[in-house]
Amino acid sequence: MKSLILRAGTRVLMPLMLLFALFMLARGHNHPGGGFVAGLVVAAAFALQAFAFGVPAARRGLMVDPERLLGIGLLVALFTGLSSGLAGRPFLTSLWWGGIGTPLVFDIGVFLVVIGVVLTMTFTLAED
């Protein structure tokens, strides 16, 4: 049987961890943080949920297959590099559209890749 304390703590910590990850993602380009660290925090939140409630519950909470997140993140990161090439600039040169730039979009791609990789490994190991 799973620990009551672990389940109760997970219910409190998981929303806080997800909110903190969004904060780290948003401030990461100019300050410590970014897509990698934010992705690790989200993956840790879902790994905690998997340990507390089981892998099927964590997969349902994630709502997307981790392998799919990995692929989407790679495509997003590739798009940011190719978009600068299409604009006639070197690969991964920053471009800005209104208030959103390619550095933030690249960080989102890294964010998704890290979540996908870590949760794929975690869920696979926990299921076996």
Protein backbone atom coordinates (compact mmCIF):
# COMPACT_ATOMS: atom_id res chain seq x y z
CA MET A 1 0.00 0.00 0.00
CA LYS A 2 1.21 3.49 -0.84
CA SER A 3 2.06 5.84 2.00
CA LEU A 4 -0.71 8.18 3.08
CA ILE A 5 1.84 10.88 3.87
CA LEU A 6 3.40 10.56 0.39
CA ARG A 7 0.00 10.81 -1.31
CA ALA A 8 -1.06 13.83 0.78
CA GLY A 9 2.28 15.55 0.21
CA THR A 10 2.08 14.91 -3.51
CA ARG A 11 -1.35 16.54 -3.71
CA VAL A 12 0.12 19.68 -2.14
CA LEU A 13 3.54 19.71 -3.82
CA MET A 14 2.62 18.86 -7.40
CA PRO A 15 0.70 22.08 -8.22
CA LEU A 16 3.43 24.13 -6.56
CA MET A 17 6.13 22.35 -8.55
CA LEU A 18 4.27 22.91 -11.83
CA LEU A 19 3.80 26.60 -11.04
CA PHE A 20 7.47 26.94 -10.11
CA ALA A 21 8.43 25.26 -13.40
CA LEU A 22 6.41 27.82 -15.37
CA PHE A 23 8.16 30.58 -13.43
CA MET A 24 11.57 29.07 -14.23
CA LEU A 25 10.65 28.70 -17.91
CA ALA A 26 9.45 32.30 -18.18
CA ARG A 27 12.48 33.89 -16.55
CA GLY A 28 15.10 31.48 -17.83
CA HIS A 29 16.46 33.35 -20.81
CA ASN A 30 17.83 36.32 -18.87
CA HIS A 31 18.21 34.71 -15.44
CA PRO A 32 19.04 31.26 -14.04
CA GLY A 33 16.51 28.70 -15.18
CA GLY A 34 15.10 28.04 -18.59
CA GLY A 35 13.66 25.12 -20.45
CA PHE A 36 16.05 22.50 -19.11
CA VAL A 37 15.57 23.24 -15.43
CA ALA A 38 11.82 23.80 -15.82
CA GLY A 39 11.51 20.48 -17.65
CA LEU A 40 13.34 18.71 -14.83
CA VAL A 41 10.97 20.23 -12.26
CA VAL A 42 7.89 19.13 -14.23
CA ALA A 43 9.34 15.65 -14.70
CA ALA A 44 10.09 15.45 -10.98
CA ALA A 45 6.48 16.44 -10.21
CA PHE A 46 5.10 13.65 -12.39
CA ALA A 47 7.67 11.16 -11.09
CA LEU A 48 6.50 12.01 -7.58
CA GLN A 49 2.91 11.41 -8.69
CA ALA A 50 3.96 8.07 -10.20
CA PHE A 51 5.59 7.01 -6.93
CA ALA A 52 2.59 8.12 -4.87
CA PHE A 53 -0.31 6.96 -7.04
CA GLY A 54 1.24 4.62 -9.62
CA VAL A 55 2.43 5.08 -13.20
CA PRO A 56 -1.05 4.80 -14.79
CA ALA A 57 -2.27 7.72 -12.67
CA ALA A 58 0.77 9.79 -13.61
CA ARG A 59 0.25 9.01 -17.32
CA ARG A 60 -3.40 10.08 -17.02
CA GLY A 61 -2.32 13.29 -15.26
CA LEU A 62 0.22 14.07 -17.97
CA MET A 63 -2.49 13.59 -20.64
CA VAL A 64 0.15 13.22 -23.40
CA ASP A 65 2.47 10.33 -24.10
CA PRO A 66 6.02 11.30 -23.02
CA GLU A 67 7.45 10.08 -26.35
CA ARG A 68 5.09 12.44 -28.16
CA LEU A 69 6.31 15.34 -25.99
CA LEU A 70 9.86 14.44 -26.94
CA GLY A 71 9.07 14.56 -30.66
CA ILE A 72 7.09 17.79 -30.43
CA GLY A 73 9.89 19.43 -28.46
CA LEU A 74 12.48 18.41 -31.03
CA LEU A 75 10.32 19.83 -33.83
CA VAL A 76 9.82 23.11 -31.95
CA ALA A 77 13.56 23.46 -31.33
CA LEU A 78 14.32 22.62 -34.96
CA PHE A 79 11.75 25.18 -36.12
CA THR A 80 13.54 27.95 -34.20
CA GLY A 81 16.83 27.12 -35.87
CA LEU A 82 15.36 26.83 -39.34
CA SER A 83 13.27 29.98 -39.01
CA SER A 84 16.40 32.09 -38.71
CA GLY A 85 17.84 30.30 -41.75
CA LEU A 86 14.69 31.08 -43.72
CA ALA A 87 15.10 34.73 -42.75
CA GLY A 88 18.61 34.70 -44.26
CA ARG A 89 20.45 34.66 -40.94
CA PRO A 90 22.77 32.06 -39.38
CA PHE A 91 21.28 28.98 -37.70
CA LEU A 92 19.67 29.73 -34.30
CA THR A 93 20.01 33.51 -34.65
CA SER A 94 17.39 35.23 -32.50
CA LEU A 95 14.32 36.57 -34.26
CA TRP A 96 11.49 38.52 -32.67
CA TRP A 97 7.79 38.55 -33.60
CA GLY A 98 6.06 41.15 -31.49
CA GLY A 99 6.94 40.29 -27.89
CA ILE A 100 7.90 36.67 -28.53
CA GLY A 101 11.33 35.67 -29.72
CA THR A 102 12.93 32.47 -30.88
CA PRO A 103 14.93 32.09 -27.63
CA LEU A 104 11.68 31.57 -25.69
CA VAL A 105 10.33 29.21 -28.34
CA PHE A 106 13.61 27.24 -28.26
CA ASP A 107 13.37 27.06 -24.45
CA ILE A 108 9.85 25.66 -24.78
CA GLY A 109 11.20 23.01 -27.15
CA VAL A 110 13.95 22.07 -24.69
CA PHE A 111 11.33 22.05 -21.91
CA LEU A 112 9.21 19.51 -23.79
CA VAL A 113 12.21 17.35 -24.74
CA VAL A 114 13.44 17.14 -21.15
CA ILE A 115 9.97 16.23 -19.85
CA GLY A 116 9.63 13.59 -22.55
CA VAL A 117 13.03 12.00 -21.99
CA VAL A 118 12.95 11.94 -18.20
CA LEU A 119 9.37 10.68 -17.95
CA THR A 120 9.89 8.05 -20.64
CA MET A 121 12.80 6.65 -18.64
CA THR A 122 11.02 7.00 -15.29
CA PHE A 123 7.76 5.43 -16.41
CA THR A 124 9.54 2.60 -18.24
CA LEU A 125 11.68 1.76 -15.22
CA ALA A 126 8.75 2.03 -12.80
CA GLU A 127 6.48 -0.18 -14.89
CA ASP A 128 8.96 -3.08 -15.18
